[in-house]
Amino acid sequence: MPRPTAQQRPFGTSPSGEDVALWRLESGGGVHAEILTYGAVLHSLGVPDTAGDVRSVVVGLPSADAYDKAGGYFGAVVGRYANRIADGRLTLDGTTYELPLNDRGHTLHGGPEGFHTKVWEAAAGSGDDTAWVRLSLRSPDGDMGFPGTLDVRVTYTLDAAGTLSCAYTATTDQPTVVNLCNHAYFNLAGGGDVLGHTLQVDAPAYLPVDSASIPLAGAPAGVAGTAFDLTSPRVLGERVGAADEQVRGAGGFDHCWVLAGAADGGLRRAARLAAPRESRVMEVWTTEPGIQVFTANHLDGALEDAAGRPLERHAAVCLETQHFPDAPNRPEYPSPVLRPGTTAESRTEFRFPHLGGATG
């Protein structure tokens, strides 16, 4: 079998005029990943099905400008804080910080000029069993209102078995908060909608939200007996159409599940997504305490993917491994605070067991 490889080519320019590169990682066994230096975007993830047909299982857009104009954070690494911070306000060590508001009076995914809008520095390499690209970004003190200069790295690694891993590290010179995740839109059929996909989430509870997607006060809600019970595989179309107040309010899923085994910080399975007839199967493994499931409820056909196909509602599902939304203001949640002299570290893997690789 050929060895994994990493190769670079140009991908035009960013909206600010900076050169954007595309790094293509090849597993040597039929899987490839394409990563942009703009937004650290996962632009393509080509995976064979059980018949050997290779299609990208993530939604990609045609240009950096298209990613910028689309909104939706397609494939990007979002930060400094993924998900929402209520009222754009956080208090840390007695000081209150005001953040820009970009989602119904709240701060979403680090603000309007978050990490998804930046051109990252890149270095890449390959060996006998893996190919990788490491993307680095310095976020200055006060960037989008957040305190402290934050140095961030995300390393995408593709191994010979076809597993794609995302490893994140961050350090700071002042106390701050950090919550990094990839915002890929997955469709294991390579097109159409995901309503026929099955999804399993290894979580006993989730966070109910208000009309602006901010978690309600109180303990997480148990999933048993609700539309959010995905402890065994469930057809997405049946769940996003459920007569459930939380589902109806969001137009589908846009909620954070509280993962089992979250306290130990080890790598464990969070979710299993399968295309119809299980032609492709993906498992998400992570060290993070939560996973936000978003069923692309906002898409309406006005946006086209890289192949020129309109993206209709529920054309994909996002599986965002992360800390909990609004955790900077919720002391009962796992803490996202990062202090000088320490390193924030997390890891998420996308595994494809139908290819015959290990899942444990």
Foldseek 3Di string as FASTA:
>chain_A
DDAKWKDKDWQAAAPVGHTKMWIWIDLVAFWIWIFILQLRFGAFIWDAFLVGDTATFWFHAAHNVQCLVVPQQARGKFDQAAAWAAQQWFADPRDIWHFDDDFPRIAHRLHSCTSNGDRWDWDWDGDRWKTKIKTWDWQDACRRRWGWIKIKIWMWMATNLGKTKIKIKMATAFKTFGKIWTWTFGDPVNWDFQQQKWKAFQFQFWFQADLRRHGDDDDTGGCPPHLPHRNDIDRQNDSLPDPDPRSVSQSGFFIKGFHPPLVVLDWDWGMWMAGVVRRWIKIKIKSAGIWTKDQQQPACQPRATSVRGGQHGRGGITTIGIFHHNQSVPVVGPGRIHGHPDMDIMMMMIHICSSVDDDD
